[in-house]
N, C-alpha and C. Protein backbone atom coordinates (compact mmCIF):
# COMPACT_ATOMS: atom_id res chain seq x y z
N UNK A 1 15.61 -386.41 -182.85
CA UNK A 1 15.09 -385.42 -183.71
C UNK A 1 14.16 -386.07 -184.88
N UNK A 2 14.37 -387.29 -185.32
CA UNK A 2 13.55 -388.17 -186.11
C UNK A 2 12.53 -388.72 -185.43
N UNK A 3 12.43 -388.90 -184.16
CA UNK A 3 11.19 -389.27 -183.42
C UNK A 3 10.18 -388.07 -183.16
N UNK A 4 10.90 -386.98 -183.13
CA UNK A 4 10.04 -385.85 -183.13
C UNK A 4 8.98 -385.72 -184.43
N UNK A 5 9.94 -385.72 -185.24
CA UNK A 5 9.27 -385.43 -186.69
C UNK A 5 8.14 -386.67 -186.87
N UNK A 6 8.33 -387.93 -186.70
CA UNK A 6 7.51 -389.16 -186.55
C UNK A 6 6.41 -388.78 -185.91
N UNK A 7 6.32 -388.33 -184.64
CA UNK A 7 5.29 -388.22 -183.81
C UNK A 7 4.47 -387.02 -184.13
N UNK A 8 5.08 -385.80 -184.81
CA UNK A 8 4.29 -384.98 -185.45
C UNK A 8 3.32 -385.36 -186.82
N UNK A 9 4.40 -386.32 -187.35
CA UNK A 9 3.54 -386.82 -188.55
C UNK A 9 2.23 -387.50 -188.46
N UNK A 10 2.51 -388.54 -187.15
CA UNK A 10 1.31 -389.41 -186.78
C UNK A 10 0.19 -388.52 -186.28
N UNK A 11 0.52 -387.43 -185.71
CA UNK A 11 -0.74 -386.58 -184.99
C UNK A 11 -1.32 -385.72 -186.05
N UNK A 12 -0.44 -385.52 -187.06
CA UNK A 12 -1.12 -384.88 -188.32
C UNK A 12 -2.07 -385.99 -188.93
N UNK A 13 -1.50 -386.88 -189.23
CA UNK A 13 -2.45 -388.14 -189.94
C UNK A 13 -3.68 -388.50 -189.21
N UNK A 14 -3.65 -388.83 -187.66
CA UNK A 14 -4.75 -388.97 -186.90
C UNK A 14 -5.72 -387.88 -186.86
N UNK A 15 -5.44 -386.76 -187.57
CA UNK A 15 -6.61 -385.68 -187.54
C UNK A 15 -6.66 -384.79 -186.06
N UNK A 16 -5.62 -384.52 -185.73
CA UNK A 16 -5.52 -383.86 -184.57
C UNK A 16 -5.87 -384.44 -183.19
N UNK A 17 -5.55 -385.67 -183.05
CA UNK A 17 -6.14 -386.62 -181.96
C UNK A 17 -5.42 -385.82 -180.47
N UNK A 18 -5.70 -386.49 -179.59
CA UNK A 18 -5.25 -386.38 -178.35
C UNK A 18 -3.84 -386.78 -177.82
N UNK A 19 -2.91 -387.22 -178.66
CA UNK A 19 -1.58 -387.50 -178.65
C UNK A 19 -0.85 -386.16 -178.59
N UNK A 20 0.15 -386.27 -177.88
CA UNK A 20 1.24 -385.20 -177.84
C UNK A 20 2.58 -385.98 -178.06
N UNK A 21 3.32 -384.95 -178.49
CA UNK A 21 4.56 -385.34 -178.31
C UNK A 21 5.40 -384.94 -177.26
N UNK A 22 6.24 -385.65 -176.64
CA UNK A 22 7.34 -385.46 -175.89
C UNK A 22 8.74 -385.66 -176.32
N UNK A 23 9.14 -384.17 -176.03
CA UNK A 23 10.49 -384.01 -176.60
C UNK A 23 11.55 -384.79 -175.63
N UNK A 24 12.84 -385.62 -176.01
CA UNK A 24 13.57 -385.88 -175.25
C UNK A 24 14.92 -386.31 -176.20
N UNK A 25 15.77 -386.56 -175.28
CA UNK A 25 17.08 -386.40 -175.88
C UNK A 25 17.82 -387.59 -175.65
N UNK A 26 17.96 -388.50 -176.66
CA UNK A 26 18.69 -389.68 -176.56
C UNK A 26 17.32 -390.74 -176.21
N UNK A 27 16.23 -390.36 -176.11
CA UNK A 27 15.38 -391.10 -175.81
C UNK A 27 15.06 -391.54 -174.24
N UNK A 28 15.70 -390.75 -173.46
CA UNK A 28 15.84 -391.21 -172.29
C UNK A 28 15.27 -389.71 -171.30
N UNK A 29 16.05 -388.79 -171.66
CA UNK A 29 16.12 -387.43 -170.72
C UNK A 29 15.23 -386.62 -171.86
N UNK A 30 14.16 -386.58 -171.05
CA UNK A 30 12.86 -385.42 -171.55
C UNK A 30 13.16 -384.09 -170.79
N UNK A 31 11.92 -383.23 -170.95
CA UNK A 31 11.87 -382.01 -170.66
C UNK A 31 11.67 -382.12 -168.95
N UNK A 32 10.98 -382.66 -168.40
CA UNK A 32 11.11 -383.03 -167.12
C UNK A 32 11.97 -383.35 -166.27
N UNK A 33 12.84 -384.16 -166.96
CA UNK A 33 14.24 -384.44 -166.17
C UNK A 33 15.19 -383.19 -166.26
N UNK A 34 15.05 -382.29 -167.54
CA UNK A 34 16.19 -381.42 -167.55
C UNK A 34 15.51 -380.19 -166.55
N UNK A 35 14.40 -380.15 -166.34
CA UNK A 35 13.70 -378.93 -165.31
C UNK A 35 14.07 -379.73 -163.95
N UNK A 36 13.90 -381.07 -163.79
CA UNK A 36 14.13 -381.42 -162.31
C UNK A 36 15.96 -380.88 -161.97
N UNK A 37 16.77 -381.35 -163.17
CA UNK A 37 18.06 -381.06 -162.83
C UNK A 37 18.51 -379.46 -162.63
N UNK A 38 17.98 -379.05 -163.48
CA UNK A 38 17.83 -377.29 -163.45
C UNK A 38 17.60 -376.85 -161.73
N UNK A 39 16.82 -377.33 -161.40
CA UNK A 39 16.20 -377.25 -160.06
C UNK A 39 16.97 -377.44 -158.77
N UNK A 40 17.40 -378.65 -159.02
CA UNK A 40 18.54 -379.32 -158.14
C UNK A 40 19.88 -378.43 -158.35
N UNK A 41 20.25 -377.88 -159.54
CA UNK A 41 21.40 -377.09 -159.51
C UNK A 41 21.17 -375.84 -158.90
N UNK A 42 20.09 -375.33 -159.14
CA UNK A 42 19.71 -373.94 -158.50
C UNK A 42 19.69 -374.31 -156.85
N UNK A 43 19.21 -375.13 -156.33
CA UNK A 43 18.84 -375.33 -154.93
C UNK A 43 20.33 -375.55 -154.38
N UNK A 44 21.13 -376.35 -155.10
CA UNK A 44 22.47 -376.36 -154.49
C UNK A 44 23.42 -375.19 -154.44
N UNK A 45 23.22 -374.48 -155.61
CA UNK A 45 23.83 -373.22 -155.52
C UNK A 45 23.30 -372.13 -154.48
N UNK A 46 22.04 -372.29 -154.29
CA UNK A 46 21.34 -371.53 -153.31
C UNK A 46 22.24 -371.94 -151.68
N UNK A 47 22.08 -373.29 -151.66
CA UNK A 47 22.69 -373.76 -150.09
C UNK A 47 24.13 -373.24 -150.40
N UNK A 48 25.00 -373.61 -151.34
CA UNK A 48 26.17 -373.25 -151.34
C UNK A 48 26.63 -371.83 -151.00
N UNK A 49 25.75 -371.02 -151.63
CA UNK A 49 26.37 -369.45 -151.20
C UNK A 49 25.38 -369.20 -149.82
N UNK A 50 24.75 -370.20 -149.27
CA UNK A 50 24.19 -369.92 -147.71
C UNK A 50 23.20 -368.73 -147.89
N UNK A 51 22.20 -368.63 -148.88
CA UNK A 51 21.20 -367.84 -148.99
C UNK A 51 20.15 -368.20 -147.66
N UNK A 52 19.75 -369.41 -147.69
CA UNK A 52 18.98 -369.73 -146.20
C UNK A 52 19.43 -368.84 -144.92
N UNK A 53 20.85 -369.04 -145.02
CA UNK A 53 21.39 -368.28 -143.66
C UNK A 53 21.38 -366.83 -143.73
N UNK A 54 21.78 -366.41 -144.89
CA UNK A 54 21.47 -364.89 -145.09
C UNK A 54 20.13 -364.32 -144.76
N UNK A 55 19.29 -365.21 -145.43
CA UNK A 55 17.72 -364.87 -145.16
C UNK A 55 17.37 -364.82 -143.48
N UNK A 56 17.85 -365.87 -143.14
CA UNK A 56 17.64 -366.53 -141.55
C UNK A 56 18.47 -365.34 -140.84
N UNK A 57 19.53 -364.81 -141.07
CA UNK A 57 20.00 -363.76 -140.20
C UNK A 57 19.26 -362.33 -140.50
N UNK A 58 18.97 -362.28 -141.70
CA UNK A 58 18.00 -360.87 -142.12
C UNK A 58 16.90 -361.30 -141.20
N UNK A 59 16.15 -362.09 -141.52
CA UNK A 59 14.88 -362.06 -140.48
C UNK A 59 15.26 -361.88 -138.98
N UNK A 60 16.38 -362.90 -138.71
CA UNK A 60 16.51 -362.53 -136.79
C UNK A 60 16.75 -361.05 -136.90
N UNK A 61 17.39 -360.55 -137.40
CA UNK A 61 18.00 -359.00 -137.52
C UNK A 61 16.58 -358.23 -136.95
N UNK A 62 15.62 -358.18 -138.32
CA UNK A 62 14.24 -357.40 -138.17
C UNK A 62 13.53 -358.02 -137.04
N UNK A 63 13.70 -359.18 -136.83
CA UNK A 63 12.83 -359.56 -135.45
C UNK A 63 13.42 -358.89 -134.42
N UNK A 64 14.95 -358.87 -134.37
CA UNK A 64 15.42 -358.34 -133.10
C UNK A 64 15.06 -356.85 -132.86
N UNK A 65 15.07 -356.00 -134.33
CA UNK A 65 14.66 -354.63 -134.21
C UNK A 65 13.30 -354.40 -133.87
N UNK A 66 12.31 -355.37 -134.58
CA UNK A 66 10.91 -355.26 -133.90
C UNK A 66 10.70 -355.34 -132.32
N UNK A 67 11.48 -356.67 -132.13
CA UNK A 67 11.47 -356.97 -130.49
C UNK A 67 11.91 -355.61 -129.83
N UNK A 68 12.91 -355.03 -130.23
CA UNK A 68 13.37 -353.47 -129.35
C UNK A 68 12.67 -352.56 -129.76
N UNK A 69 11.80 -352.28 -130.59
CA UNK A 69 10.97 -351.46 -130.66
C UNK A 69 9.61 -351.93 -129.99
N UNK A 70 9.28 -352.80 -129.93
CA UNK A 70 8.19 -353.36 -128.96
C UNK A 70 8.57 -353.03 -127.47
N UNK A 71 9.87 -353.27 -127.34
CA UNK A 71 10.17 -353.18 -125.71
C UNK A 71 10.14 -351.83 -125.59
N UNK A 72 10.75 -351.08 -126.48
CA UNK A 72 10.62 -349.63 -126.26
C UNK A 72 9.23 -348.85 -126.05
N UNK A 73 8.23 -349.53 -127.05
CA UNK A 73 7.02 -349.19 -127.13
C UNK A 73 6.53 -349.17 -125.63
N UNK A 74 6.68 -350.58 -124.88
CA UNK A 74 6.29 -351.03 -123.41
C UNK A 74 6.97 -350.03 -122.67
N UNK A 75 8.20 -349.72 -122.52
CA UNK A 75 8.74 -348.92 -121.84
C UNK A 75 7.60 -347.63 -121.81
N UNK A 76 7.80 -346.80 -123.00
CA UNK A 76 7.22 -345.81 -123.09
C UNK A 76 5.72 -345.82 -122.69
N UNK A 77 4.95 -346.95 -122.70
CA UNK A 77 4.05 -346.82 -122.36
C UNK A 77 3.77 -346.98 -120.95
N UNK A 78 4.59 -347.43 -120.21
CA UNK A 78 4.46 -347.56 -118.85
C UNK A 78 4.99 -346.01 -118.34
N UNK A 79 5.79 -345.48 -119.06
CA UNK A 79 6.24 -344.19 -118.60
C UNK A 79 5.02 -343.05 -118.81
N UNK A 80 4.32 -343.45 -120.01
CA UNK A 80 3.04 -342.59 -119.91
C UNK A 80 1.95 -342.94 -118.79
N UNK A 81 1.85 -344.10 -118.63
CA UNK A 81 1.21 -344.33 -117.68
C UNK A 81 1.49 -343.66 -116.22
N UNK A 82 2.70 -343.85 -115.87
CA UNK A 82 3.05 -343.24 -114.81
C UNK A 82 3.04 -341.74 -114.78
N UNK A 83 3.15 -340.94 -116.13
CA UNK A 83 2.93 -339.52 -116.18
C UNK A 83 1.47 -339.16 -115.99
N UNK A 84 0.69 -340.17 -116.66
CA UNK A 84 -0.85 -340.06 -116.62
C UNK A 84 -1.17 -339.98 -115.06
N UNK A 85 -0.88 -341.09 -114.34
CA UNK A 85 -1.11 -341.26 -112.98
C UNK A 85 -0.76 -339.90 -112.26
N UNK A 86 0.67 -339.52 -112.45
CA UNK A 86 0.92 -338.46 -111.77
C UNK A 86 0.46 -336.90 -112.08
N UNK A 87 -0.23 -337.00 -113.31
CA UNK A 87 -0.55 -335.72 -113.99
C UNK A 87 -2.23 -335.66 -113.18
N UNK A 88 -2.86 -337.05 -113.04
CA UNK A 88 -3.96 -337.04 -112.65
C UNK A 88 -4.02 -336.47 -111.29
N UNK A 89 -3.02 -337.25 -110.61
CA UNK A 89 -2.64 -336.51 -108.87
C UNK A 89 -2.38 -335.24 -108.96
N UNK A 90 -1.87 -334.62 -109.87
CA UNK A 90 -1.60 -333.31 -109.97
C UNK A 90 -3.12 -332.47 -109.89
N UNK A 91 -3.65 -332.89 -111.11
CA UNK A 91 -4.97 -332.26 -111.38
C UNK A 91 -5.99 -332.40 -110.13
N UNK A 92 -6.03 -333.66 -109.55
CA UNK A 92 -6.79 -333.58 -108.25
C UNK A 92 -6.60 -332.72 -107.05
N UNK A 93 -5.08 -332.59 -107.06
CA UNK A 93 -4.34 -331.85 -106.09
C UNK A 93 -5.03 -330.33 -106.18
N UNK A 94 -4.64 -330.04 -107.77
CA UNK A 94 -4.92 -328.60 -108.15
C UNK A 94 -6.74 -328.39 -107.99
N UNK A 95 -7.40 -329.41 -108.10
CA UNK A 95 -8.85 -329.18 -108.07
C UNK A 95 -8.96 -328.88 -106.53
N UNK A 96 -8.59 -329.74 -105.58
CA UNK A 96 -8.78 -329.74 -104.28
C UNK A 96 -8.04 -328.24 -103.82
N UNK A 97 -7.17 -327.86 -104.33
CA UNK A 97 -6.35 -326.60 -103.97
C UNK A 97 -7.40 -325.19 -104.22
N UNK A 98 -7.81 -325.41 -105.63
CA UNK A 98 -8.67 -324.53 -106.21
C UNK A 98 -10.06 -324.22 -105.10
N UNK A 99 -10.65 -325.62 -104.91
CA UNK A 99 -11.78 -325.47 -104.08
C UNK A 99 -11.34 -324.92 -102.60
N UNK A 100 -10.07 -325.09 -102.23
CA UNK A 100 -9.74 -324.61 -100.73
C UNK A 100 -9.42 -323.20 -101.02
N UNK A 101 -8.93 -322.54 -102.08
CA UNK A 101 -8.64 -321.16 -102.56
C UNK A 101 -10.28 -320.59 -102.46
N UNK A 102 -10.98 -321.20 -103.24
CA UNK A 102 -12.72 -320.51 -103.36
C UNK A 102 -12.93 -320.69 -102.00
N UNK A 103 -13.15 -321.38 -100.95
CA UNK A 103 -13.67 -321.56 -99.75
C UNK A 103 -13.15 -320.06 -98.89
N UNK A 104 -11.67 -319.99 -99.12
CA UNK A 104 -11.02 -319.08 -98.28
C UNK A 104 -11.40 -317.62 -98.97
N UNK A 105 -11.59 -317.78 -100.48
CA UNK A 105 -11.89 -316.44 -100.73
C UNK A 105 -13.35 -315.91 -100.28
N UNK A 106 -14.13 -317.15 -100.44
CA UNK A 106 -15.58 -316.61 -99.84
C UNK A 106 -15.69 -316.02 -98.40
N UNK A 107 -14.90 -316.88 -97.78
CA UNK A 107 -14.64 -316.36 -95.97
C UNK A 107 -13.88 -315.19 -96.20
N UNK A 108 -12.94 -314.78 -96.80
CA UNK A 108 -12.40 -313.86 -96.77
C UNK A 108 -13.54 -312.47 -97.21
N UNK A 109 -14.24 -312.80 -98.33
CA UNK A 109 -15.34 -311.86 -98.96
C UNK A 109 -15.87 -311.58 -97.71
N UNK A 110 -16.58 -312.59 -97.25
CA UNK A 110 -17.55 -312.25 -96.16
C UNK A 110 -16.79 -311.45 -94.98
N UNK A 111 -15.70 -311.68 -94.39
CA UNK A 111 -15.08 -310.51 -93.50
C UNK A 111 -14.81 -309.42 -94.29
N UNK A 112 -14.57 -309.04 -95.19
CA UNK A 112 -14.61 -308.10 -95.86
C UNK A 112 -15.89 -307.21 -95.66
N UNK A 113 -16.98 -307.99 -96.22
CA UNK A 113 -18.29 -307.48 -96.18
C UNK A 113 -18.64 -306.87 -94.95
N UNK A 114 -18.48 -307.84 -93.89
CA UNK A 114 -18.67 -307.38 -92.53
C UNK A 114 -17.69 -306.24 -92.02
N UNK A 115 -16.49 -306.28 -92.46
CA UNK A 115 -16.03 -305.06 -92.11
C UNK A 115 -16.21 -303.72 -92.83
N UNK A 116 -16.43 -304.13 -93.88
CA UNK A 116 -17.10 -302.60 -94.66
C UNK A 116 -18.62 -302.13 -93.98
N UNK A 117 -19.41 -303.30 -93.60
CA UNK A 117 -20.45 -302.77 -92.94
C UNK A 117 -20.27 -302.28 -91.61
N UNK A 118 -19.28 -302.75 -90.91
CA UNK A 118 -18.93 -301.90 -89.53
C UNK A 118 -18.54 -300.84 -89.80
N UNK A 119 -17.22 -300.63 -90.79
CA UNK A 119 -16.83 -299.41 -91.07
C UNK A 119 -17.64 -298.29 -91.72
N UNK A 120 -18.71 -298.66 -92.53
CA UNK A 120 -19.61 -297.52 -93.00
C UNK A 120 -20.59 -297.26 -91.73
N UNK A 121 -20.80 -298.39 -90.95
CA UNK A 121 -21.75 -297.74 -90.16
C UNK A 121 -20.94 -296.60 -89.11
N UNK A 122 -19.52 -297.15 -88.72
CA UNK A 122 -18.94 -295.93 -88.19
C UNK A 122 -18.66 -294.67 -88.91
N UNK A 123 -18.46 -294.67 -90.20
CA UNK A 123 -18.46 -293.58 -90.93
C UNK A 123 -19.42 -292.86 -90.96
N UNK A 124 -20.83 -293.45 -90.87
CA UNK A 124 -21.99 -292.84 -90.74
C UNK A 124 -22.20 -291.83 -89.31
N UNK A 125 -21.76 -292.93 -88.34
CA UNK A 125 -21.86 -292.15 -86.93
C UNK A 125 -20.88 -290.97 -86.81
N UNK A 126 -19.72 -291.34 -87.70
CA UNK A 126 -18.73 -290.19 -87.36
C UNK A 126 -19.04 -289.02 -88.27
N UNK A 127 -19.68 -289.14 -89.48
CA UNK A 127 -20.39 -288.08 -90.13
C UNK A 127 -21.28 -287.45 -89.71
N UNK A 128 -22.25 -288.08 -88.97
CA UNK A 128 -23.29 -287.71 -88.19
C UNK A 128 -23.09 -286.77 -87.37
N UNK A 129 -21.79 -287.41 -86.23
CA UNK A 129 -21.21 -286.60 -85.21
C UNK A 129 -20.80 -285.09 -85.76
N UNK A 130 -19.94 -285.10 -86.82
CA UNK A 130 -19.42 -284.14 -87.31
C UNK A 130 -20.50 -282.93 -87.75
N UNK A 131 -21.46 -283.60 -88.43
CA UNK A 131 -22.54 -282.69 -88.53
C UNK A 131 -23.12 -281.96 -87.68
N UNK A 132 -23.32 -282.92 -86.43
CA UNK A 132 -23.80 -282.25 -85.42
C UNK A 132 -23.14 -281.26 -84.70
N UNK A 133 -21.67 -281.38 -84.54
CA UNK A 133 -20.67 -280.58 -84.06
C UNK A 133 -20.55 -279.28 -85.11
N UNK A 134 -20.81 -279.51 -86.41
CA UNK A 134 -20.76 -278.09 -87.30
C UNK A 134 -22.03 -277.55 -86.71
N UNK A 135 -23.07 -278.24 -86.84
CA UNK A 135 -24.57 -277.45 -86.50
C UNK A 135 -24.69 -276.65 -85.09
N UNK A 136 -23.77 -277.41 -84.10
CA UNK A 136 -23.84 -276.61 -83.09
C UNK A 136 -22.87 -275.75 -82.81
N UNK A 137 -21.82 -275.91 -83.48
CA UNK A 137 -20.58 -274.71 -83.68
C UNK A 137 -21.36 -273.60 -84.44
N UNK A 138 -22.24 -273.70 -85.47
CA UNK A 138 -22.66 -272.78 -86.22
C UNK A 138 -23.91 -271.91 -85.30
N UNK A 139 -24.54 -272.91 -84.33
CA UNK A 139 -25.45 -272.18 -83.53
C UNK A 139 -24.63 -271.33 -82.51
N UNK A 140 -23.55 -271.86 -82.05
CA UNK A 140 -22.73 -270.97 -80.97
C UNK A 140 -22.48 -269.75 -81.69
N UNK A 141 -22.00 -269.84 -83.03
CA UNK A 141 -21.52 -268.66 -83.70
C UNK A 141 -22.62 -267.70 -83.89
N UNK A 142 -23.55 -268.14 -84.11
CA UNK A 142 -24.59 -267.44 -84.36
C UNK A 142 -25.38 -266.59 -83.34
N UNK A 143 -25.39 -267.35 -82.21
CA UNK A 143 -25.72 -266.61 -80.60
C UNK A 143 -24.67 -265.96 -80.55
N UNK A 144 -23.32 -265.95 -80.63
CA UNK A 144 -22.30 -264.98 -80.48
C UNK A 144 -22.63 -263.74 -81.30
N UNK A 145 -22.84 -264.12 -82.71
CA UNK A 145 -23.13 -262.78 -83.47
C UNK A 145 -24.08 -262.07 -83.04
N UNK A 146 -25.32 -262.76 -82.83
CA UNK A 146 -26.53 -262.12 -82.35
C UNK A 146 -26.25 -261.30 -81.19
N UNK A 147 -25.46 -261.95 -80.18
CA UNK A 147 -25.25 -261.23 -78.98
C UNK A 147 -24.08 -259.95 -79.16
N UNK A 148 -23.53 -260.31 -80.15
CA UNK A 148 -22.24 -258.81 -80.30
C UNK A 148 -23.25 -257.97 -80.95
N UNK A 149 -24.19 -258.31 -81.96
CA UNK A 149 -24.96 -257.22 -82.58
C UNK A 149 -25.79 -256.72 -81.38
N UNK A 150 -26.29 -257.31 -80.80
CA UNK A 150 -27.24 -256.89 -79.60
C UNK A 150 -26.52 -256.03 -78.93
N UNK A 151 -25.48 -256.48 -78.41
CA UNK A 151 -24.69 -255.64 -77.57
C UNK A 151 -24.12 -254.49 -78.41
N UNK A 152 -23.65 -254.61 -79.64
CA UNK A 152 -23.42 -253.14 -80.23
C UNK A 152 -24.37 -252.31 -80.56
N UNK A 153 -25.71 -252.93 -80.72
CA UNK A 153 -26.89 -252.13 -80.92
C UNK A 153 -27.25 -251.28 -79.40
N UNK A 154 -27.30 -252.21 -78.45
CA UNK A 154 -27.52 -251.46 -77.27
C UNK A 154 -26.56 -250.67 -76.79
N UNK A 155 -25.34 -250.70 -77.14
CA UNK A 155 -24.22 -249.48 -76.82
C UNK A 155 -24.41 -248.78 -77.80
N UNK A 156 -24.79 -248.70 -78.87
CA UNK A 156 -24.90 -247.55 -79.86
C UNK A 156 -26.20 -246.81 -79.17
N UNK A 157 -27.19 -247.50 -79.05
CA UNK A 157 -28.54 -246.94 -78.50
C UNK A 157 -28.08 -246.11 -76.78
N UNK A 158 -27.40 -246.89 -76.23
CA UNK A 158 -26.77 -246.08 -74.81
C UNK A 158 -26.30 -244.94 -75.30
N UNK A 159 -25.29 -245.08 -76.10
CA UNK A 159 -24.44 -243.76 -76.55
C UNK A 159 -25.25 -242.67 -76.92
N UNK A 160 -26.39 -243.17 -77.86
CA UNK A 160 -27.18 -242.00 -78.42
C UNK A 160 -27.95 -241.46 -77.49
N UNK A 161 -28.43 -242.05 -76.46
CA UNK A 161 -29.29 -241.49 -75.23
C UNK A 161 -28.58 -240.48 -74.52
N UNK A 162 -27.08 -241.10 -74.09
CA UNK A 162 -26.28 -240.39 -73.23
C UNK A 162 -26.09 -238.87 -73.94
N UNK A 163 -25.83 -239.36 -75.07
CA UNK A 163 -25.40 -238.07 -75.98
C UNK A 163 -26.63 -237.14 -76.26
N UNK A 164 -27.52 -237.79 -76.18
CA UNK A 164 -28.85 -236.65 -76.26
C UNK A 164 -29.44 -236.09 -74.87
N UNK A 165 -29.24 -236.74 -73.61
CA UNK A 165 -29.80 -236.33 -72.44
C UNK A 165 -28.51 -235.88 -71.76
N UNK A 166 -27.46 -235.93 -71.97
CA UNK A 166 -26.36 -235.35 -71.30
C UNK A 166 -25.57 -234.01 -72.14
N UNK A 167 -25.47 -232.84 -71.36
CA UNK A 167 -24.73 -232.07 -71.98
C UNK A 167 -23.04 -231.69 -71.02
N UNK A 168 -22.68 -230.73 -71.53
CA UNK A 168 -21.17 -230.34 -70.82
C UNK A 168 -21.55 -230.25 -69.26
N UNK A 169 -22.35 -229.77 -68.82
CA UNK A 169 -22.68 -229.26 -67.23
C UNK A 169 -22.98 -230.49 -66.93
N UNK A 170 -23.98 -231.84 -67.42
CA UNK A 170 -23.89 -232.75 -66.51
C UNK A 170 -22.72 -233.73 -66.53
N UNK A 171 -22.00 -233.25 -67.41
CA UNK A 171 -20.59 -234.17 -67.41
C UNK A 171 -19.74 -233.58 -66.38
N UNK A 172 -19.77 -232.39 -66.28
CA UNK A 172 -18.93 -231.91 -65.22
C UNK A 172 -19.19 -232.27 -63.93
N UNK A 173 -20.37 -231.97 -63.76
CA UNK A 173 -21.03 -232.67 -62.35
C UNK A 173 -20.42 -234.34 -62.13
N UNK A 174 -20.65 -234.90 -62.89
CA UNK A 174 -20.35 -236.43 -63.03
C UNK A 174 -18.86 -236.76 -62.87
N UNK A 175 -17.97 -235.43 -63.40
CA UNK A 175 -16.44 -235.85 -63.17
C UNK A 175 -16.03 -235.33 -61.89
N UNK A 176 -16.81 -234.50 -61.70
CA UNK A 176 -16.40 -233.90 -60.02
C UNK A 176 -16.65 -235.03 -59.18
N UNK A 177 -17.71 -235.45 -59.18
CA UNK A 177 -18.31 -236.47 -58.28
C UNK A 177 -17.69 -237.76 -58.19
N UNK A 178 -17.04 -238.06 -59.30
CA UNK A 178 -16.33 -239.33 -59.35
C UNK A 178 -14.76 -239.01 -58.96
N UNK A 179 -14.29 -237.71 -59.12
CA UNK A 179 -12.63 -237.30 -58.39
C UNK A 179 -13.01 -237.24 -57.00
N UNK A 180 -13.99 -237.03 -56.73
CA UNK A 180 -13.97 -236.95 -55.16
C UNK A 180 -14.10 -238.12 -54.74
N UNK A 181 -14.95 -238.95 -55.13
CA UNK A 181 -14.94 -240.35 -54.83
C UNK A 181 -13.68 -241.19 -54.92
N UNK A 182 -13.01 -240.67 -55.89
CA UNK A 182 -11.78 -241.25 -55.98
C UNK A 182 -10.74 -241.26 -54.89
N UNK A 183 -10.63 -240.00 -54.11
CA UNK A 183 -9.84 -239.91 -53.03
C UNK A 183 -10.35 -240.54 -51.96
N UNK A 184 -11.38 -240.79 -51.56
CA UNK A 184 -11.91 -241.60 -50.56
C UNK A 184 -11.41 -243.14 -50.83
N UNK A 185 -11.68 -243.88 -52.00
CA UNK A 185 -11.16 -245.00 -52.31
C UNK A 185 -9.73 -245.29 -52.42
N UNK A 186 -9.27 -244.36 -52.68
CA UNK A 186 -7.61 -244.74 -52.76
C UNK A 186 -6.76 -244.68 -51.47
N UNK A 187 -7.66 -244.04 -50.77
CA UNK A 187 -6.58 -244.30 -49.25
C UNK A 187 -7.12 -245.48 -48.57
């Protein structure tokens, strides 16, 4: 302590020169030695408590966890690649199937159109035949009606003529001759 005061007074007397006081105990042990001793004690305690082994174990555990995660990520990547390949195959298969379905649909549509044209032509022919049959039936009916009307008119005219030209005496002679002819025709 005395030395410290002495050094401080010398420094003050020289006018603040570059001389510094180094504190020491008993003239041998200075601050650097104490810091070194404290560091050695700290290192000894750390080694005695096995802190490096604990830190190493913690790091090893973390490394193992990371390695496990990496292995899991690799497995997931392989599985994802496999799924991607599988789905690409399915997609290609689906595209090929869609093209096949499209081709079959176009072919079927062409057959349907062809059948529809054939059916339409057949339907037109049947309708035409039915119309012709109806026209022929109407013509026959009209002819039959005309004949019936003509026959009725002729019968009416004949009846009117007969009624006008025949009287009761002419009817008697006609009846008598018919009866006479009957006798010869029946035998």
